[in-house]
Each structure stands twice: as structure tokens, then as C-alpha cells.
């Protein structure tokens, strides 16, 4: 991947921050993420090695393109710090046990 540059211009204690990526200028980090990745799922796959199905189960909304805290999935991803704690629980039932469990008696 290309490099992202953060540029801070300071004049008389006033600051302006912008970013450069692949010859383009961006005002926010979110704008760069929107340019680099087609959606949040692509970021999860390429940067965090989390497949879309797992991201969907984690409620990270991989199909969203917001990259912003206004997106519930992105907020969940940030809260989870990009970590997937995956657990698989296997249970076996006889047909009779399954039926009893399903109907509740």
C-alpha cells in the first residue's frame, strides 16, 4: 500500500492538518479511508485479516462505507479494537432430545 502523509501547517499558533495519499490531499482520516477501501469490509480483510462473514457476526457492518463513528458498525469495530474473540460451541442431541429442547417440554 501507498504511504499516507500527515501534514500540519502552523502559522502564529493556528494549525491546519491535512493528509496526502497517492498525490491527493484529504482533510480527514475518514476521507482517506473512503478513498483507499471500497468499504469497511475491505479494510477488515486487508489490514486486520478478518473475513467479511466474521465481521458481519461481530456486528462491524463490513458493507458500510462510512468509516465514521456515526456508523454503528464502525463504532463497534473501534470499541472491539479490531479484535475477534471467536468461540465455537458444539452440542449433540438425539432427535428426541432436540425435539424436547425445541418445543420446551
Protein backbone atom coordinates (compact mmCIF):
# COMPACT_ATOMS: atom_id res chain seq x y z
CA UNK A 1 0.00 0.00 0.00
CA UNK A 2 1.00 3.57 -0.57
CA UNK A 3 2.13 5.77 2.30
CA UNK A 4 -0.16 8.30 3.98
CA UNK A 5 1.39 11.61 4.97
CA UNK A 6 0.00 13.84 7.69
CA UNK A 7 0.83 17.49 7.08
CA UNK A 8 0.47 20.05 9.85
CA UNK A 9 0.80 23.69 8.89
CA UNK A 10 1.27 26.01 11.86
CA UNK A 11 1.09 29.78 11.44
CA UNK A 12 1.02 32.04 14.52
CA UNK A 13 -0.22 29.17 16.71
CA UNK A 14 -3.00 28.35 14.25
CA UNK A 15 -2.91 24.86 12.82
CA UNK A 16 -4.28 23.25 9.74
CA UNK A 17 -3.92 19.49 9.37
CA UNK A 18 -4.43 17.63 6.14
CA UNK A 19 -3.35 14.33 4.70
CA UNK A 20 -1.80 13.24 1.43
CA UNK A 21 -2.20 9.88 -0.22
CA UNK A 22 -1.14 8.90 -3.70
CA UNK A 23 -0.78 12.53 -4.80
CA UNK A 24 -4.20 13.59 -3.44
CA UNK A 25 -4.95 15.83 -0.45
CA UNK A 26 -7.60 14.97 2.14
CA UNK A 27 -8.99 16.95 5.05
CA UNK A 28 -9.71 13.98 7.34
CA UNK A 29 -8.56 10.44 8.03
CA UNK A 30 -12.06 9.27 7.14
CA UNK A 31 -11.74 10.77 3.65
CA UNK A 32 -8.53 8.78 3.07
CA UNK A 33 -10.11 5.53 4.25
CA UNK A 34 -13.01 6.11 1.86
CA UNK A 35 -10.53 6.60 -0.98
CA UNK A 36 -8.35 3.56 -0.17
CA UNK A 37 -11.03 0.98 0.68
CA UNK A 38 -14.28 0.32 -1.15
CA UNK A 39 -15.99 -0.42 2.18
CA UNK A 40 -15.22 -1.24 5.79
CA UNK A 41 -15.11 -4.96 4.99
CA UNK A 42 -12.16 -4.46 2.65
CA UNK A 43 -10.27 -2.70 5.45
CA UNK A 44 -11.09 -5.54 7.87
CA UNK A 45 -9.82 -8.10 5.35
CA UNK A 46 -6.65 -6.31 4.23
CA UNK A 47 -5.48 -4.70 7.47
CA UNK A 48 -6.90 -6.93 10.22
CA UNK A 49 -7.22 -10.27 8.39
CA UNK A 50 -10.88 -10.60 9.40
CA UNK A 51 -13.15 -12.03 6.72
CA UNK A 52 -16.47 -10.39 5.92
CA UNK A 53 -18.58 -13.16 7.42
CA UNK A 54 -16.78 -12.89 10.76
CA UNK A 55 -17.01 -9.09 10.63
CA UNK A 56 -20.74 -9.39 9.99
CA UNK A 57 -21.14 -11.71 13.00
CA UNK A 58 -19.16 -9.20 15.10
CA UNK A 59 -21.69 -6.51 14.01
CA UNK A 60 -18.95 -4.44 12.33
CA UNK A 61 -21.10 -3.82 9.21
CA UNK A 62 -18.47 -4.72 6.59
CA UNK A 63 -20.71 -3.48 3.76
CA UNK A 64 -20.82 0.09 5.14
CA UNK A 65 -18.63 2.81 3.70
CA UNK A 66 -18.82 5.40 6.48
CA UNK A 67 -15.57 4.86 8.41
CA UNK A 68 -17.13 7.24 10.90
CA UNK A 69 -18.46 6.99 14.45
CA UNK A 70 -21.92 7.79 13.07
CA UNK A 71 -21.81 4.22 11.72
CA UNK A 72 -22.77 1.75 14.43
CA UNK A 73 -20.63 -0.99 12.85
CA UNK A 74 -17.50 1.18 12.72
CA UNK A 75 -18.10 2.26 16.30
CA UNK A 76 -18.39 -1.40 17.34
CA UNK A 77 -15.18 -2.21 15.44
CA UNK A 78 -13.35 0.60 17.29
CA UNK A 79 -14.78 -0.47 20.65
CA UNK A 80 -13.68 -4.06 19.95
CA UNK A 81 -10.23 -2.69 18.97
CA UNK A 82 -10.38 -4.82 15.83
CA UNK A 83 -10.16 -7.98 17.89
CA UNK A 84 -12.27 -11.04 17.17
CA UNK A 85 -12.93 -13.33 20.09
CA UNK A 86 -14.37 -16.32 18.32
CA UNK A 87 -15.86 -19.29 20.13
CA UNK A 88 -17.48 -22.38 18.67
CA UNK A 89 -19.79 -24.43 20.85
CA UNK A 90 -20.83 -27.85 19.60
CA UNK A 91 -23.73 -29.75 21.11
CA UNK A 92 -25.19 -33.05 20.04
CA UNK A 93 -28.72 -34.19 20.63
CA UNK A 94 -30.69 -37.26 19.84
CA UNK A 95 -33.73 -36.49 17.71
CA UNK A 96 -35.91 -36.86 20.79
CA UNK A 97 -33.71 -34.51 22.85
CA UNK A 98 -33.70 -32.00 20.01
CA UNK A 99 -37.47 -32.05 19.75
CA UNK A 100 -37.89 -31.64 23.50
CA UNK A 101 -35.41 -28.76 23.54
CA UNK A 102 -37.13 -27.12 20.55
CA UNK A 103 -40.64 -27.29 21.92
CA UNK A 104 -39.57 -26.56 25.50
CA UNK A 105 -41.06 -29.67 27.15
